[in-house]
Every structure is written in C-alpha cells, then in structure tokens.
C-alpha cells in the first residue's frame, strides 16, 4: 500500500499568505514596479519553479510566496522575459522576504499564544 505524503492543511498554508498582507512589493522588477511603499495591489506571488512544487495546473506550496504588486506579478507570470530572468528575480525576492516573513510570523504566533 502506498503511503500518502501529508499535504499542508488550509490553515497551515493560509498563514504564509496572510504574512504577505500589508507588505510592499518585494519583486521590485526594474522598469515594471512602481516601488510604492503602500500598494493595494500587493498579493502573494507563488513560485513558478518545479523545485517548489509547481506543476501543470498546480501552484507551488504557499510557503513559496513573495509579496508582489500586480505589475510585477504579471511580469513574473506572463512577461516576455526569459524563464531564467524570472526565476532569478523571484529567487532574489524570496531570499530577501523569507527572514522578514519568519520574524513576522514568530511575532504573530507569540501574540496568538
């Protein structure tokens, strides 16, 4: 009998999405991003890389998200840039965002306790 890999619950995944709320755009694509400190279009942008769980018709896991404005998100998902350029831009943003998110989530966990 095959063992199933435990999938994250909605609650586990939603904490990563919630961490993106109220944040500025971390993608900051040159010539695309408006670099606004407060931007209502910022949403969690999922990785488009297979190494993060992305597949045909399947998004990457929620923990592989970065806050991004609508313009940068469109560039990552539908822009004319090469796949390597898009992956590099997303990876750089994630490298910057991940420690900030970890700190933000730790504070939220303490407040909830």
Protein backbone atom coordinates (compact mmCIF):
# COMPACT_ATOMS: atom_id res chain seq x y z
CA UNK A 1 0.00 0.00 0.00
CA UNK A 2 1.28 3.45 -0.90
CA UNK A 3 1.76 5.96 1.85
CA UNK A 4 0.40 9.37 1.15
CA UNK A 5 2.51 12.43 1.72
CA UNK A 6 0.81 14.72 4.22
CA UNK A 7 -0.46 17.79 2.40
CA UNK A 8 -0.48 21.08 4.28
CA UNK A 9 -3.90 22.00 5.62
CA UNK A 10 -5.67 25.17 4.56
CA UNK A 11 -4.87 26.67 7.96
CA UNK A 12 -1.15 25.85 7.68
CA UNK A 13 -0.92 27.33 4.20
CA UNK A 14 -3.00 30.42 4.91
CA UNK A 15 -0.52 31.74 7.48
CA UNK A 16 2.03 32.18 4.68
CA UNK A 17 -0.48 34.05 2.55
CA UNK A 18 -1.56 36.23 5.49
CA UNK A 19 2.06 37.21 6.13
CA UNK A 20 2.09 38.99 2.74
CA UNK A 21 -0.76 41.33 3.71
CA UNK A 22 0.24 44.95 4.21
CA UNK A 23 3.73 44.42 2.79
CA UNK A 24 5.35 46.36 -0.06
CA UNK A 25 6.32 44.66 -3.32
CA UNK A 26 9.43 42.52 -2.84
CA UNK A 27 9.83 41.60 -6.51
CA UNK A 28 10.74 45.20 -7.49
CA UNK A 29 11.26 44.46 -11.19
CA UNK A 30 13.23 47.36 -12.73
CA UNK A 31 11.11 49.27 -15.26
CA UNK A 32 7.94 47.46 -14.14
CA UNK A 33 7.44 48.11 -10.41
CA UNK A 34 6.19 51.48 -9.18
CA UNK A 35 8.05 50.91 -5.87
CA UNK A 36 5.18 52.30 -3.80
CA UNK A 37 5.58 51.91 -0.04
CA UNK A 38 1.84 51.19 0.24
CA UNK A 39 0.30 49.41 -2.75
CA UNK A 40 -3.20 47.92 -2.62
CA UNK A 41 -2.32 45.57 -5.50
CA UNK A 42 0.26 43.58 -3.49
CA UNK A 43 -0.67 39.89 -3.29
CA UNK A 44 1.20 36.65 -2.52
CA UNK A 45 3.08 35.63 -5.70
CA UNK A 46 3.72 31.88 -5.86
CA UNK A 47 6.93 30.49 -7.30
CA UNK A 48 6.69 29.13 -10.85
CA UNK A 49 9.52 26.66 -10.27
CA UNK A 50 9.14 22.88 -10.16
CA UNK A 51 11.58 22.70 -7.24
CA UNK A 52 8.92 24.49 -5.16
CA UNK A 53 6.10 22.12 -6.12
CA UNK A 54 4.80 23.92 -9.22
CA UNK A 55 3.36 21.61 -11.85
CA UNK A 56 0.85 21.57 -14.69
CA UNK A 57 -2.30 23.13 -13.26
CA UNK A 58 -0.79 23.16 -9.77
CA UNK A 59 0.58 26.11 -7.81
CA UNK A 60 3.70 25.89 -5.68
CA UNK A 61 3.20 25.42 -1.95
CA UNK A 62 2.06 28.55 -0.08
CA UNK A 63 5.34 28.77 1.80
CA UNK A 64 6.95 29.66 -1.54
CA UNK A 65 5.24 33.03 -1.91
CA UNK A 66 6.59 36.57 -2.06
CA UNK A 67 4.58 39.80 -1.74
CA UNK A 68 4.39 41.35 -5.20
CA UNK A 69 2.43 44.16 -6.83
CA UNK A 70 0.08 43.43 -9.74
CA UNK A 71 2.57 44.73 -12.31
CA UNK A 72 5.48 42.60 -11.08
CA UNK A 73 3.19 39.58 -10.62
CA UNK A 74 2.05 39.89 -14.25
CA UNK A 75 5.68 40.19 -15.39
CA UNK A 76 6.60 37.01 -13.48
CA UNK A 77 3.59 35.06 -14.79
CA UNK A 78 3.06 36.41 -18.33
CA UNK A 79 6.00 38.71 -19.14
CA UNK A 80 8.24 38.33 -22.18
CA UNK A 81 11.44 37.89 -20.14
CA UNK A 82 13.26 34.57 -20.20
CA UNK A 83 12.40 31.90 -17.68
CA UNK A 84 15.87 32.26 -16.13
CA UNK A 85 15.37 36.03 -15.62
CA UNK A 86 12.01 35.44 -13.96
CA UNK A 87 13.38 32.68 -11.72
CA UNK A 88 16.35 34.86 -10.72
CA UNK A 89 14.06 37.81 -9.87
CA UNK A 90 11.72 35.60 -7.82
CA UNK A 91 14.61 33.85 -6.03
CA UNK A 92 16.20 37.17 -5.08
CA UNK A 93 12.88 38.47 -3.72
CA UNK A 94 12.34 35.24 -1.74
CA UNK A 95 15.86 35.43 -0.29
CA UNK A 96 15.05 38.95 0.94
CA UNK A 97 11.48 38.13 2.10
CA UNK A 98 12.00 34.78 3.87
CA UNK A 99 13.80 36.07 7.02
CA UNK A 100 11.40 39.02 7.31
CA UNK A 101 8.42 36.68 7.00
CA UNK A 102 9.87 34.30 9.61
CA UNK A 103 10.26 37.16 12.07
CA UNK A 104 6.76 38.48 11.30
CA UNK A 105 5.21 35.03 11.73
CA UNK A 106 7.06 34.45 15.02
CA UNK A 107 5.64 37.71 16.39
CA UNK A 108 2.13 36.74 15.26
CA UNK A 109 2.49 33.31 16.90
CA UNK A 110 3.54 34.92 20.21
CA UNK A 111 0.59 37.34 20.08
CA UNK A 112 -1.82 34.45 19.44
CA UNK A 113 -0.48 32.46 22.39
